[in-house]
Amino acid sequence: MRCGVSLHRDGAGIVARCREYPACEGRGATAEEAVERLRASLLFWLEACPCDTTTDAGLVLDIVHDGTRRA
């Protein structure tokens, strides 16, 4: 399963969101930390949902928008 991830700055931190599952998000001091927390949020949701059997090894997070980079 692939999910498109958007990264945005929120104050001093980074927020990672998945467009396929808008209720899930991850927050962290770095993009890596935010994406890892998003992964944990998605896995928790997917494991609780009886409609999907996706496991950690099958979950791929692709950064499709990185709003954390300054021009």
C-alpha atoms as a PDB file:
ATOM      1  CA  MET A   1       0.000   0.000   0.000  1.00  0.00           C
ATOM      2  CA  ARG A   2       1.336   3.426  -0.965  1.00  0.00           C
ATOM      3  CA  CYS A   3       0.353   6.724   0.637  1.00  0.00           C
ATOM      4  CA  GLY A   4       1.187  10.210  -0.590  1.00  0.00           C
ATOM      5  CA  VAL A   5       2.614  12.347   2.218  1.00  0.00           C
ATOM      6  CA  SER A   6       2.621  16.126   2.508  1.00  0.00           C
ATOM      7  CA  LEU A   7       5.003  17.890   4.891  1.00  0.00           C
ATOM      8  CA  HIS A   8       4.270  21.342   6.320  1.00  0.00           C
ATOM      9  CA  ARG A   9       5.814  23.574   8.956  1.00  0.00           C
ATOM     10  CA  ASP A  10       3.719  24.271  12.038  1.00  0.00           C
ATOM     11  CA  GLY A  11       5.527  26.681  14.317  1.00  0.00           C
ATOM     12  CA  ALA A  12       8.871  25.117  15.165  1.00  0.00           C
ATOM     13  CA  GLY A  13       7.767  21.613  14.128  1.00  0.00           C
ATOM     14  CA  ILE A  14       6.846  19.601  11.050  1.00  0.00           C
ATOM     15  CA  VAL A  15       3.458  18.027  10.292  1.00  0.00           C
ATOM     16  CA  ALA A  16       3.152  14.994   7.993  1.00  0.00           C
ATOM     17  CA  ARG A  17      -0.236  14.125   6.519  1.00  0.00           C
ATOM     18  CA  CYS A  18      -1.394  11.357   4.207  1.00  0.00           C
ATOM     19  CA  ARG A  19      -3.924  12.383   1.554  1.00  0.00           C
ATOM     20  CA  GLU A  20      -5.440   8.882   1.467  1.00  0.00           C
ATOM     21  CA  TYR A  21      -6.134   8.971   5.230  1.00  0.00           C
ATOM     22  CA  PRO A  22      -6.680  12.649   6.142  1.00  0.00           C
ATOM     23  CA  ALA A  23      -7.526  11.894   9.779  1.00  0.00           C
ATOM     24  CA  CYS A  24      -4.010  10.524  10.373  1.00  0.00           C
ATOM     25  CA  GLU A  25      -1.051  12.816  10.948  1.00  0.00           C
ATOM     26  CA  GLY A  26       2.382  12.829  12.511  1.00  0.00           C
ATOM     27  CA  ARG A  27       4.170  15.720  14.190  1.00  0.00           C
ATOM     28  CA  GLY A  28       7.840  16.036  15.019  1.00  0.00           C
ATOM     29  CA  ALA A  29      10.848  18.309  15.263  1.00  0.00           C
ATOM     30  CA  THR A  30      12.191  16.912  11.962  1.00  0.00           C
ATOM     31  CA  ALA A  31      10.579  15.604   8.778  1.00  0.00           C
ATOM     32  CA  GLU A  32      11.866  12.105   9.559  1.00  0.00           C
ATOM     33  CA  GLU A  33      10.294  12.157  13.026  1.00  0.00           C
ATOM     34  CA  ALA A  34       6.980  13.459  11.653  1.00  0.00           C
ATOM     35  CA  VAL A  35       6.883  10.758   8.934  1.00  0.00           C
ATOM     36  CA  GLU A  36       7.700   8.030  11.475  1.00  0.00           C
ATOM     37  CA  ARG A  37       4.866   9.244  13.721  1.00  0.00           C
ATOM     38  CA  LEU A  38       2.532   9.363  10.714  1.00  0.00           C
ATOM     39  CA  ARG A  39       3.491   5.745   9.950  1.00  0.00           C
ATOM     40  CA  ALA A  40       2.620   4.766  13.531  1.00  0.00           C
ATOM     41  CA  SER A  41      -0.718   6.595  13.283  1.00  0.00           C
ATOM     42  CA  LEU A  42      -1.566   4.904   9.976  1.00  0.00           C
ATOM     43  CA  LEU A  43      -0.612   1.453  11.246  1.00  0.00           C
ATOM     44  CA  PHE A  44      -2.739   1.937  14.361  1.00  0.00           C
ATOM     45  CA  TRP A  45      -5.714   2.974  12.227  1.00  0.00           C
ATOM     46  CA  LEU A  46      -5.236   0.167   9.684  1.00  0.00           C
ATOM     47  CA  GLU A  47      -4.865  -2.509  12.360  1.00  0.00           C
ATOM     48  CA  ALA A  48      -8.055  -1.286  14.068  1.00  0.00           C
ATOM     49  CA  CYS A  49      -9.984  -1.312  10.775  1.00  0.00           C
ATOM     50  CA  PRO A  50     -11.409  -4.756   9.903  1.00  0.00           C
ATOM     51  CA  CYS A  51     -11.503  -3.793   6.219  1.00  0.00           C
ATOM     52  CA  ASP A  52      -7.729  -3.813   5.669  1.00  0.00           C
ATOM     53  CA  THR A  53      -4.899  -6.173   6.560  1.00  0.00           C
ATOM     54  CA  THR A  54      -1.947  -3.949   5.620  1.00  0.00           C
ATOM     55  CA  THR A  55       1.152  -4.516   7.728  1.00  0.00           C
ATOM     56  CA  ASP A  56       4.147  -2.293   8.401  1.00  0.00           C
ATOM     57  CA  ALA A  57       6.288  -3.986   5.746  1.00  0.00           C
ATOM     58  CA  GLY A  58       3.693  -3.255   3.049  1.00  0.00           C
ATOM     59  CA  LEU A  59       3.170   0.415   3.894  1.00  0.00           C
ATOM     60  CA  VAL A  60       5.175   2.807   1.698  1.00  0.00           C
ATOM     61  CA  LEU A  61       5.072   6.546   2.391  1.00  0.00           C
ATOM     62  CA  ASP A  62       5.997   8.732  -0.606  1.00  0.00           C
ATOM     63  CA  ILE A  63       6.725  12.422  -0.002  1.00  0.00           C
ATOM     64  CA  VAL A  64       4.626  14.155  -2.675  1.00  0.00           C
ATOM     65  CA  HIS A  65       4.810  17.681  -1.271  1.00  0.00           C
ATOM     66  CA  ASP A  66       7.493  19.131   0.980  1.00  0.00           C
ATOM     67  CA  GLY A  67       6.368  22.516   2.274  1.00  0.00           C
ATOM     68  CA  THR A  68       9.174  22.571   4.847  1.00  0.00           C
ATOM     69  CA  ARG A  69      11.881  23.727   2.435  1.00  0.00           C
ATOM     70  CA  ARG A  70      12.530  27.416   2.308  1.00  0.00           C
ATOM     71  CA  ALA A  71      13.108  29.114  -1.014  1.00  0.00           C
END
